[in-house]
Amino acid sequence: MTEQGLTVYVRYDCSLCDDMLAALRPLQQELGFALEIIEIGGDYQLEQLYGSRVPVLVAGRGELCHYFLDPDRVRGYFAAC
């Protein structure tokens, strides 16, 4: 299992968010990363940062993708670690 983790910023009742989370699960099993899920609703700073541009998948301080999962980008990130 890798020590690196990913963070996904979501809104509840967001179908794109649900889709990304579902697509991340097999990758998480394959690559063994920790996944933190953060709901942005009610957090002024996060709402200003991400607005309606969710879900957003972040590794460290860098965004890997938003709206739709890019599995190749995630694999590339972990290959480079």
C-alpha atoms as a PDB file:
ATOM      1  CA  MET A   1       0.000   0.000   0.000  1.00  0.00           C
ATOM      2  CA  THR A   2       1.325   3.426  -0.913  1.00  0.00           C
ATOM      3  CA  GLU A   3       1.685   6.092   1.746  1.00  0.00           C
ATOM      4  CA  GLN A   4       0.433   8.690  -0.695  1.00  0.00           C
ATOM      5  CA  GLY A   5      -3.207   9.564  -0.549  1.00  0.00           C
ATOM      6  CA  LEU A   6      -5.735  11.408  -2.635  1.00  0.00           C
ATOM      7  CA  THR A   7      -8.448  13.845  -1.662  1.00  0.00           C
ATOM      8  CA  VAL A   8     -11.711  14.232  -3.519  1.00  0.00           C
ATOM      9  CA  TYR A   9     -13.856  17.311  -2.969  1.00  0.00           C
ATOM     10  CA  VAL A  10     -17.555  16.613  -3.465  1.00  0.00           C
ATOM     11  CA  ARG A  11     -21.049  17.872  -2.861  1.00  0.00           C
ATOM     12  CA  TYR A  12     -23.738  15.589  -1.518  1.00  0.00           C
ATOM     13  CA  ASP A  13     -26.487  14.745  -3.997  1.00  0.00           C
ATOM     14  CA  CYS A  14     -24.053  15.197  -6.900  1.00  0.00           C
ATOM     15  CA  SER A  15     -24.260  12.433  -9.504  1.00  0.00           C
ATOM     16  CA  LEU A  16     -20.844  13.278 -10.978  1.00  0.00           C
ATOM     17  CA  CYS A  17     -19.376  12.997  -7.486  1.00  0.00           C
ATOM     18  CA  ASP A  18     -21.017   9.607  -6.977  1.00  0.00           C
ATOM     19  CA  ASP A  19     -19.683   8.455 -10.351  1.00  0.00           C
ATOM     20  CA  MET A  20     -16.127   9.537  -9.563  1.00  0.00           C
ATOM     21  CA  LEU A  21     -16.191   7.868  -6.151  1.00  0.00           C
ATOM     22  CA  ALA A  22     -17.450   4.626  -7.714  1.00  0.00           C
ATOM     23  CA  ALA A  23     -14.726   4.781 -10.389  1.00  0.00           C
ATOM     24  CA  LEU A  24     -12.051   5.453  -7.752  1.00  0.00           C
ATOM     25  CA  ARG A  25     -12.796   2.321  -5.720  1.00  0.00           C
ATOM     26  CA  PRO A  26     -11.233  -0.185  -8.152  1.00  0.00           C
ATOM     27  CA  LEU A  27      -8.203   2.082  -8.598  1.00  0.00           C
ATOM     28  CA  GLN A  28      -7.881   2.354  -4.837  1.00  0.00           C
ATOM     29  CA  GLN A  29      -7.823  -1.444  -4.556  1.00  0.00           C
ATOM     30  CA  GLU A  30      -5.330  -1.711  -7.427  1.00  0.00           C
ATOM     31  CA  LEU A  31      -2.938   0.999  -6.234  1.00  0.00           C
ATOM     32  CA  GLY A  32      -3.534   0.891  -2.476  1.00  0.00           C
ATOM     33  CA  PHE A  33      -3.909   4.596  -1.756  1.00  0.00           C
ATOM     34  CA  ALA A  34      -5.813   6.310   1.043  1.00  0.00           C
ATOM     35  CA  LEU A  35      -8.785   8.379  -0.060  1.00  0.00           C
ATOM     36  CA  GLU A  36     -10.133  11.352   1.854  1.00  0.00           C
ATOM     37  CA  ILE A  37     -13.591  12.567   0.862  1.00  0.00           C
ATOM     38  CA  ILE A  38     -14.421  16.168   1.729  1.00  0.00           C
ATOM     39  CA  GLU A  39     -17.915  17.642   1.343  1.00  0.00           C
ATOM     40  CA  ILE A  40     -17.542  21.302   0.411  1.00  0.00           C
ATOM     41  CA  GLY A  41     -21.110  22.387   1.208  1.00  0.00           C
ATOM     42  CA  GLY A  42     -21.173  24.804   4.118  1.00  0.00           C
ATOM     43  CA  ASP A  43     -17.429  25.521   3.970  1.00  0.00           C
ATOM     44  CA  TYR A  44     -17.109  29.056   2.613  1.00  0.00           C
ATOM     45  CA  GLN A  45     -13.458  28.743   1.573  1.00  0.00           C
ATOM     46  CA  LEU A  46     -13.947  25.430  -0.223  1.00  0.00           C
ATOM     47  CA  GLU A  47     -17.101  26.679  -1.922  1.00  0.00           C
ATOM     48  CA  GLN A  48     -15.177  29.723  -3.163  1.00  0.00           C
ATOM     49  CA  LEU A  49     -12.306  27.532  -4.354  1.00  0.00           C
ATOM     50  CA  TYR A  50     -14.305  24.788  -6.094  1.00  0.00           C
ATOM     51  CA  GLY A  51     -17.820  26.199  -6.527  1.00  0.00           C
ATOM     52  CA  SER A  52     -19.776  23.969  -8.873  1.00  0.00           C
ATOM     53  CA  ARG A  53     -16.570  22.462 -10.320  1.00  0.00           C
ATOM     54  CA  VAL A  54     -16.913  19.236  -8.347  1.00  0.00           C
ATOM     55  CA  PRO A  55     -15.872  16.547  -7.986  1.00  0.00           C
ATOM     56  CA  VAL A  56     -12.218  17.551  -7.862  1.00  0.00           C
ATOM     57  CA  LEU A  57      -9.518  14.937  -7.279  1.00  0.00           C
ATOM     58  CA  VAL A  58      -6.374  16.303  -5.653  1.00  0.00           C
ATOM     59  CA  ALA A  59      -2.977  14.773  -4.921  1.00  0.00           C
ATOM     60  CA  GLY A  60      -0.958  16.868  -2.508  1.00  0.00           C
ATOM     61  CA  ARG A  61      -1.452  20.419  -3.748  1.00  0.00           C
ATOM     62  CA  GLY A  62      -2.059  19.452  -7.359  1.00  0.00           C
ATOM     63  CA  GLU A  63      -5.347  18.752  -9.067  1.00  0.00           C
ATOM     64  CA  LEU A  64      -5.412  15.478 -10.993  1.00  0.00           C
ATOM     65  CA  CYS A  65      -8.848  15.864 -12.561  1.00  0.00           C
ATOM     66  CA  HIS A  66     -12.315  17.264 -12.073  1.00  0.00           C
ATOM     67  CA  TYR A  67     -15.823  16.262 -13.151  1.00  0.00           C
ATOM     68  CA  PHE A  68     -14.636  12.873 -14.468  1.00  0.00           C
ATOM     69  CA  LEU A  69     -11.951  10.493 -13.255  1.00  0.00           C
ATOM     70  CA  ASP A  70      -8.811  10.252 -15.385  1.00  0.00           C
ATOM     71  CA  PRO A  71      -7.439   6.812 -14.400  1.00  0.00           C
ATOM     72  CA  ASP A  72      -4.275   7.251 -16.489  1.00  0.00           C
ATOM     73  CA  ARG A  73      -3.454  10.478 -14.682  1.00  0.00           C
ATOM     74  CA  VAL A  74      -3.936   8.784 -11.295  1.00  0.00           C
ATOM     75  CA  ARG A  75      -1.735   5.837 -12.319  1.00  0.00           C
ATOM     76  CA  GLY A  76       0.868   8.255 -13.650  1.00  0.00           C
ATOM     77  CA  TYR A  77       0.876  10.179 -10.400  1.00  0.00           C
ATOM     78  CA  PHE A  78       1.563   7.046  -8.356  1.00  0.00           C
ATOM     79  CA  ALA A  79       4.128   5.745 -10.861  1.00  0.00           C
ATOM     80  CA  ALA A  80       6.068   8.999 -10.381  1.00  0.00           C
ATOM     81  CA  CYS A  81       5.983   8.791  -6.569  1.00  0.00           C
END
